[in-house]
Structures are given as C-alpha cells and as structure tokens.
C-alpha atoms as a PDB file:
ATOM      1  CA  MET A   1     336.104 100.463  25.687  1.00  0.00           C
ATOM      2  CA  LYS A   2     333.997 103.160  24.058  1.00  0.00           C
ATOM      3  CA  LYS A   3     336.841 103.962  21.673  1.00  0.00           C
ATOM      4  CA  ASN A   4     337.043 100.337  20.547  1.00  0.00           C
ATOM      5  CA  ILE A   5     333.298 100.158  19.887  1.00  0.00           C
ATOM      6  CA  ILE A   6     333.415 103.389  17.865  1.00  0.00           C
ATOM      7  CA  LYS A   7     336.385 102.079  15.850  1.00  0.00           C
ATOM      8  CA  LEU A   8     334.528  98.827  15.149  1.00  0.00           C
ATOM      9  CA  LEU A   9     331.426 100.719  14.018  1.00  0.00           C
ATOM     10  CA  LEU A  10     333.468 102.954  11.741  1.00  0.00           C
ATOM     11  CA  CYS A  11     335.212  99.941  10.224  1.00  0.00           C
ATOM     12  CA  ALA A  12     331.875  98.185   9.669  1.00  0.00           C
ATOM     13  CA  ILE A  13     330.439 101.279   7.960  1.00  0.00           C
ATOM     14  CA  CYS A  14     333.506 101.665   5.750  1.00  0.00           C
ATOM     15  CA  VAL A  15     333.548  97.990   4.742  1.00  0.00           C
ATOM     16  CA  SER A  16     329.812  97.885   4.008  1.00  0.00           C
ATOM     17  CA  SER A  17     330.003 100.991   1.803  1.00  0.00           C
ATOM     18  CA  ILE A  18     332.712  99.556  -0.457  1.00  0.00           C
ATOM     19  CA  SER A  19     331.163  98.556  -3.760  1.00  0.00           C
ATOM     20  CA  LEU A  20     332.494  95.667  -5.730  1.00  0.00           C
ATOM     21  CA  PRO A  21     332.090  95.293  -9.476  1.00  0.00           C
ATOM     22  CA  ALA A  22     329.584  92.690 -10.624  1.00  0.00           C
ATOM     23  CA  TYR A  23     329.938  90.865 -13.902  1.00  0.00           C
ATOM     24  CA  ALA A  24     327.031  89.459 -15.873  1.00  0.00           C
ATOM     25  CA  LYS A  25     327.144  85.811 -16.808  1.00  0.00           C
ATOM     26  CA  GLU A  26     326.575  84.771 -20.371  1.00  0.00           C
ATOM     27  CA  GLY A  27     322.926  84.124 -21.128  1.00  0.00           C
ATOM     28  CA  VAL A  28     321.712  86.378 -18.324  1.00  0.00           C
ATOM     29  CA  SER A  29     319.558  89.306 -19.394  1.00  0.00           C
ATOM     30  CA  THR A  30     320.946  92.770 -18.690  1.00  0.00           C
ATOM     31  CA  LYS A  31     317.503  94.298 -19.230  1.00  0.00           C
ATOM     32  CA  PRO A  32     316.618  96.751 -16.445  1.00  0.00           C
ATOM     33  CA  SER A  33     313.938  95.739 -13.993  1.00  0.00           C
ATOM     34  CA  GLN A  34     310.348  97.037 -14.341  1.00  0.00           C
ATOM     35  CA  GLN A  35     310.891  99.421 -11.442  1.00  0.00           C
ATOM     36  CA  GLU A  36     313.939 101.052 -13.099  1.00  0.00           C
ATOM     37  CA  THR A  37     312.093 101.389 -16.413  1.00  0.00           C
ATOM     38  CA  GLU A  38     309.217 103.283 -14.810  1.00  0.00           C
ATOM     39  CA  ILE A  39     311.572 105.632 -13.018  1.00  0.00           C
ATOM     40  CA  ASP A  40     313.550 106.437 -16.158  1.00  0.00           C
ATOM     41  CA  THR A  41     310.569 106.759 -18.513  1.00  0.00           C
ATOM     42  CA  VAL A  42     309.606 110.321 -19.452  1.00  0.00           C
ATOM     43  CA  ARG A  43     305.869 110.627 -19.843  1.00  0.00           C
ATOM     44  CA  PRO A  44     304.564 112.767 -22.748  1.00  0.00           C
ATOM     45  CA  SER A  45     302.886 115.146 -20.304  1.00  0.00           C
ATOM     46  CA  ALA A  46     306.056 115.651 -18.276  1.00  0.00           C
ATOM     47  CA  HIS A  47     306.766 119.048 -19.853  1.00  0.00           C
ATOM     48  CA  GLU A  48     303.204 120.318 -20.199  1.00  0.00           C
ATOM     49  CA  MET A  49     302.341 123.413 -18.242  1.00  0.00           C
ATOM     50  CA  GLU A  50     299.079 124.254 -16.565  1.00  0.00           C
ATOM     51  CA  SER A  51     298.070 127.834 -16.069  1.00  0.00           C
ATOM     52  CA  LYS A  52     295.706 129.886 -14.004  1.00  0.00           C
ATOM     53  CA  LYS A  53     294.680 133.507 -13.999  1.00  0.00           C
ATOM     54  CA  VAL A  54     293.544 135.651 -11.096  1.00  0.00           C
ATOM     55  CA  ARG A  55     291.449 138.731 -11.808  1.00  0.00           C
ATOM     56  CA  ILE A  56     292.926 142.052 -10.719  1.00  0.00           C
ATOM     57  CA  GLY A  57     290.438 144.508  -9.252  1.00  0.00           C
ATOM     58  CA  LYS A  58     287.155 145.110 -11.043  1.00  0.00           C
ATOM     59  CA  PRO A  59     286.688 145.410 -14.818  1.00  0.00           C
ATOM     60  CA  ILE A  60     286.731 149.008 -16.051  1.00  0.00           C
ATOM     61  CA  ARG A  61     285.054 150.794 -18.942  1.00  0.00           C
ATOM     62  CA  LYS A  62     287.138 153.370 -20.748  1.00  0.00           C
ATOM     63  CA  THR A  63     286.901 155.422 -23.936  1.00  0.00           C
ATOM     64  CA  PHE A  64     290.066 155.815 -26.021  1.00  0.00           C
ATOM     65  CA  ASP A  65     290.588 158.410 -28.751  1.00  0.00           C
ATOM     66  CA  LEU A  66     292.491 156.372 -31.345  1.00  0.00           C
ATOM     67  CA  GLY A  67     292.953 159.116 -33.958  1.00  0.00           C
ATOM     68  CA  ALA A  68     292.608 158.565 -37.696  1.00  0.00           C
ATOM     69  CA  ALA A  69     291.444 155.172 -38.936  1.00  0.00           C
ATOM     70  CA  GLY A  70     293.799 153.299 -41.232  1.00  0.00           C
ATOM     71  CA  GLY A  71     293.512 152.987 -44.987  1.00  0.00           C
ATOM     72  CA  GLN A  72     292.867 156.666 -45.675  1.00  0.00           C
ATOM     73  CA  LEU A  73     294.561 158.908 -48.199  1.00  0.00           C
ATOM     74  CA  PRO A  74     297.390 160.913 -46.593  1.00  0.00           C
ATOM     75  CA  GLU A  75     295.796 164.173 -47.749  1.00  0.00           C
ATOM     76  CA  GLY A  76     292.292 163.109 -46.621  1.00  0.00           C
ATOM     77  CA  THR A  77     289.038 163.058 -48.575  1.00  0.00           C
ATOM     78  CA  SER A  78     287.052 166.031 -49.897  1.00  0.00           C
ATOM     79  CA  PHE A  79     283.480 166.365 -51.136  1.00  0.00           C
ATOM     80  CA  GLU A  80     282.443 169.403 -53.187  1.00  0.00           C
ATOM     81  CA  GLY A  81     278.907 170.429 -53.918  1.00  0.00           C
ATOM     82  CA  GLY A  82     277.274 167.836 -51.645  1.00  0.00           C
ATOM     83  CA  THR A  83     277.831 165.855 -48.502  1.00  0.00           C
ATOM     84  CA  GLY A  84     279.523 162.492 -48.441  1.00  0.00           C
ATOM     85  CA  MET A  85     280.278 159.833 -45.886  1.00  0.00           C
ATOM     86  CA  LEU A  86     283.421 158.207 -44.530  1.00  0.00           C
ATOM     87  CA  ILE A  87     282.656 154.571 -43.673  1.00  0.00           C
ATOM     88  CA  TRP A  88     284.462 152.645 -40.926  1.00  0.00           C
ATOM     89  CA  GLN A  89     285.210 148.914 -40.585  1.00  0.00           C
ATOM     90  CA  ASP A  90     286.627 147.123 -37.553  1.00  0.00           C
ATOM     91  CA  GLY A  91     290.011 145.401 -37.806  1.00  0.00           C
ATOM     92  CA  GLY A  92     293.027 146.489 -39.781  1.00  0.00           C
ATOM     93  CA  GLU A  93     295.511 148.672 -37.963  1.00  0.00           C
ATOM     94  CA  SER A  94     295.853 148.512 -34.186  1.00  0.00           C
ATOM     95  CA  THR A  95     297.522 150.440 -31.412  1.00  0.00           C
ATOM     96  CA  ASN A  96     298.949 149.499 -28.004  1.00  0.00           C
ATOM     97  CA  LEU A  97     297.883 151.440 -24.926  1.00  0.00           C
ATOM     98  CA  SER A  98     298.264 151.090 -21.170  1.00  0.00           C
ATOM     99  CA  VAL A  99     295.808 151.493 -18.295  1.00  0.00           C
ATOM    100  CA  THR A 100     296.078 150.983 -14.551  1.00  0.00           C
ATOM    101  CA  ILE A 101     293.738 148.467 -12.921  1.00  0.00           C
ATOM    102  CA  GLY A 102     294.043 147.541  -9.256  1.00  0.00           C
ATOM    103  CA  GLY A 103     297.411 149.283  -9.073  1.00  0.00           C
ATOM    104  CA  GLU A 104     298.833 147.219 -11.975  1.00  0.00           C
ATOM    105  CA  ALA A 105     299.866 148.602 -15.380  1.00  0.00           C
ATOM    106  CA  VAL A 106     297.945 146.627 -17.981  1.00  0.00           C
ATOM    107  CA  GLY A 107     298.701 146.582 -21.707  1.00  0.00           C
ATOM    108  CA  VAL A 108     295.747 146.863 -24.096  1.00  0.00           C
ATOM    109  CA  THR A 109     295.716 146.392 -27.881  1.00  0.00           C
ATOM    110  CA  LEU A 110     292.834 148.035 -29.750  1.00  0.00           C
ATOM    111  CA  ASP A 111     291.887 147.922 -33.405  1.00  0.00           C
ATOM    112  CA  ILE A 112     291.762 151.406 -34.905  1.00  0.00           C
ATOM    113  CA  GLY A 113     289.860 150.092 -37.880  1.00  0.00           C
ATOM    114  CA  THR A 114     289.999 151.208 -41.475  1.00  0.00           C
ATOM    115  CA  ALA A 115     288.109 153.708 -43.582  1.00  0.00           C
ATOM    116  CA  ALA A 116     286.309 151.761 -46.293  1.00  0.00           C
ATOM    117  CA  SER A 117     284.500 152.566 -49.475  1.00  0.00           C
ATOM    118  CA  GLY A 118     280.859 151.628 -49.737  1.00  0.00           C
ATOM    119  CA  VAL A 119     277.395 152.984 -49.362  1.00  0.00           C
ATOM    120  CA  GLY A 120     276.434 151.755 -45.896  1.00  0.00           C
ATOM    121  CA  GLY A 121     277.811 150.936 -42.496  1.00  0.00           C
ATOM    122  CA  LYS A 122     279.123 152.838 -39.516  1.00  0.00           C
ATOM    123  CA  GLY A 123     280.574 156.176 -40.357  1.00  0.00           C
ATOM    124  CA  ILE A 124     280.261 159.920 -40.298  1.00  0.00           C
ATOM    125  CA  ASP A 125     278.847 162.496 -42.714  1.00  0.00           C
ATOM    126  CA  VAL A 126     281.354 164.818 -44.364  1.00  0.00           C
ATOM    127  CA  PRO A 127     280.249 168.319 -45.424  1.00  0.00           C
ATOM    128  CA  GLY A 128     280.560 169.249 -49.086  1.00  0.00           C
ATOM    129  CA  ASP A 129     282.669 172.330 -48.301  1.00  0.00           C
ATOM    130  CA  GLY A 130     285.733 171.355 -50.348  1.00  0.00           C
ATOM    131  CA  LYS A 131     287.938 170.829 -47.249  1.00  0.00           C
ATOM    132  CA  PHE A 132     289.860 167.584 -46.760  1.00  0.00           C
ATOM    133  CA  TYR A 133     288.961 165.297 -43.853  1.00  0.00           C
ATOM    134  CA  LYS A 134     289.914 162.005 -42.272  1.00  0.00           C
ATOM    135  CA  LEU A 135     287.721 159.742 -40.165  1.00  0.00           C
ATOM    136  CA  GLY A 136     288.695 159.778 -36.462  1.00  0.00           C
ATOM    137  CA  VAL A 137     287.760 156.917 -34.124  1.00  0.00           C
ATOM    138  CA  ARG A 138     286.913 156.678 -30.432  1.00  0.00           C
ATOM    139  CA  ARG A 139     286.337 153.252 -28.905  1.00  0.00           C
ATOM    140  CA  ASN A 140     284.591 152.475 -25.642  1.00  0.00           C
ATOM    141  CA  VAL A 141     285.791 149.154 -24.224  1.00  0.00           C
ATOM    142  CA  LYS A 142     285.452 147.007 -21.120  1.00  0.00           C
ATOM    143  CA  ILE A 143     288.831 145.807 -19.812  1.00  0.00           C
ATOM    144  CA  THR A 144     289.363 142.952 -17.369  1.00  0.00           C
ATOM    145  CA  ALA A 145     292.921 142.397 -16.107  1.00  0.00           C
ATOM    146  CA  TYR A 146     294.464 139.161 -14.846  1.00  0.00           C
ATOM    147  CA  LYS A 147     297.686 138.078 -13.163  1.00  0.00           C
ATOM    148  CA  CYS A 148     298.843 134.918 -14.929  1.00  0.00           C
ATOM    149  CA  TYR A 149     300.630 131.953 -13.328  1.00  0.00           C
ATOM    150  CA  GLU A 150     301.929 128.581 -14.544  1.00  0.00           C
ATOM    151  CA  ARG A 151     303.455 125.392 -13.212  1.00  0.00           C
ATOM    152  CA  LEU A 152     304.383 121.914 -14.390  1.00  0.00           C
ATOM    153  CA  ALA A 153     301.158 119.994 -15.048  1.00  0.00           C
ATOM    154  CA  GLY A 154     300.091 117.413 -12.490  1.00  0.00           C
ATOM    155  CA  THR A 155     302.459 118.617  -9.768  1.00  0.00           C
ATOM    156  CA  ASP A 156     302.126 120.400  -6.460  1.00  0.00           C
ATOM    157  CA  LEU A 157     304.937 122.812  -7.349  1.00  0.00           C
ATOM    158  CA  PRO A 158     304.276 126.446  -6.452  1.00  0.00           C
ATOM    159  CA  TRP A 159     302.672 128.614  -9.135  1.00  0.00           C
ATOM    160  CA  ARG A 160     305.180 130.820 -11.024  1.00  0.00           C
ATOM    161  CA  TYR A 161     304.065 134.369 -11.891  1.00  0.00           C
ATOM    162  CA  VAL A 162     304.420 135.022 -15.643  1.00  0.00           C
ATOM    163  CA  GLY A 163     302.823 138.461 -16.076  1.00  0.00           C
ATOM    164  CA  VAL A 164     299.659 140.476 -16.524  1.00  0.00           C
ATOM    165  CA  ASN A 165     297.162 139.908 -19.315  1.00  0.00           C
ATOM    166  CA  SER A 166     293.965 141.681 -20.298  1.00  0.00           C
ATOM    167  CA  GLU A 167     290.663 140.811 -21.886  1.00  0.00           C
ATOM    168  CA  VAL A 168     289.202 143.641 -23.976  1.00  0.00           C
ATOM    169  CA  VAL A 169     285.550 143.691 -25.023  1.00  0.00           C
ATOM    170  CA  PRO A 170     284.523 146.482 -27.447  1.00  0.00           C
ATOM    171  CA  MET A 171     281.322 148.205 -26.262  1.00  0.00           C
ATOM    172  CA  SER A 172     280.831 150.975 -28.850  1.00  0.00           C
ATOM    173  CA  GLU A 173     282.521 153.241 -31.386  1.00  0.00           C
ATOM    174  CA  SER A 174     282.043 156.890 -32.175  1.00  0.00           C
ATOM    175  CA  PHE A 175     283.520 158.934 -35.007  1.00  0.00           C
ATOM    176  CA  TYR A 176     284.649 162.484 -35.641  1.00  0.00           C
ATOM    177  CA  LEU A 177     286.168 164.447 -38.482  1.00  0.00           C
ATOM    178  CA  ILE A 178     289.837 165.393 -38.538  1.00  0.00           C
ATOM    179  CA  GLU A 179     290.365 168.399 -40.805  1.00  0.00           C
ATOM    180  CA  VAL A 180     293.574 167.848 -42.774  1.00  0.00           C
ATOM    181  CA  ARG A 181     293.581 171.026 -44.898  1.00  0.00           C
END
C-alpha cells in the first residue's frame, strides 16, 4: 500500500513539473508585468560603493630627513665675498616613505619642496666662503593611519578590506646645508 502511495505521489510531482509551451493570441500584449519590470531594472546606484575607514593605533609625529630640495643646480650654489640665502617652497618633488603604526606598514608621500629664487621666505643662510651648497630639508609631520573597507552601497554585505591609507599633516620644516664641493 505504501509503495502505491509513493508511486502516485512521484507521478503527481512529475506531471505537475512538466511545462507546456504557451502561445500568445493576436492582440494580447506581451509586455512584462510591473513586478517583472522592477526585478529586472538596474538602478543607477546599483554599482556604487560605500566606504569606511578605521583608524589604526594613535597618530604619530615623526621627522624625516628628505635630503636636497628639488630645483637646484647639480653642482650647488656658491656665494663669494658675502653671505646669501637658499629659499625653500613647499610642493614640487616628492618622495615615498614607510612607517609602522599599530603594527601595520603605512605608506607616506611627502613633498621635498623646491629651492626657489627670491628675497624672502623660509630658507637658510649660506656662508660666502666660495664653497658650493644645496638646501637640505627635514619635515616634521603628524601621520594618522587607517584601514579602508568598501561594500556595495545600500546593502548589508560584509565590508571588504581594500588596504591601508594615511593622512599626513605637515607640522614644521627645518633646513640644513649640504656641501657639494
């Protein structure tokens, strides 16, 4: 008896799962229903990403010796018979460095700056001894590191780790002479 009932159930399942083709009649709209349209529509924000950042450890202050500022003559500058000044401007050439914050290696990009001509500004006095010098730069900065995450906007998907980023705030600069020859 049980075998017959099971066979009947299996037959009923098989018959009900058979799909038959349906043909549209002339004059009947083949436009999809409102429900199907909403499901198939891709919203403009469907591929937008949202991001978040989580601070790593505490911000640190560090002084970097960046070497010679950019824009200087390869042989340096010399003043004879009187002192002169090498003037510095922010921007120009930059260098990439790495620090460790909260156990994470963090990349930092710092402007070395350029030596500029002019009569005022930040800089260093050069003796009039006939030797050739370049302007060297040290920068003191405050670095805050973050772990960065992203996910599809408007979803509850888990956040995906995308890397470490840093925020660098210049605090001060100091200068020194590099004797070239």
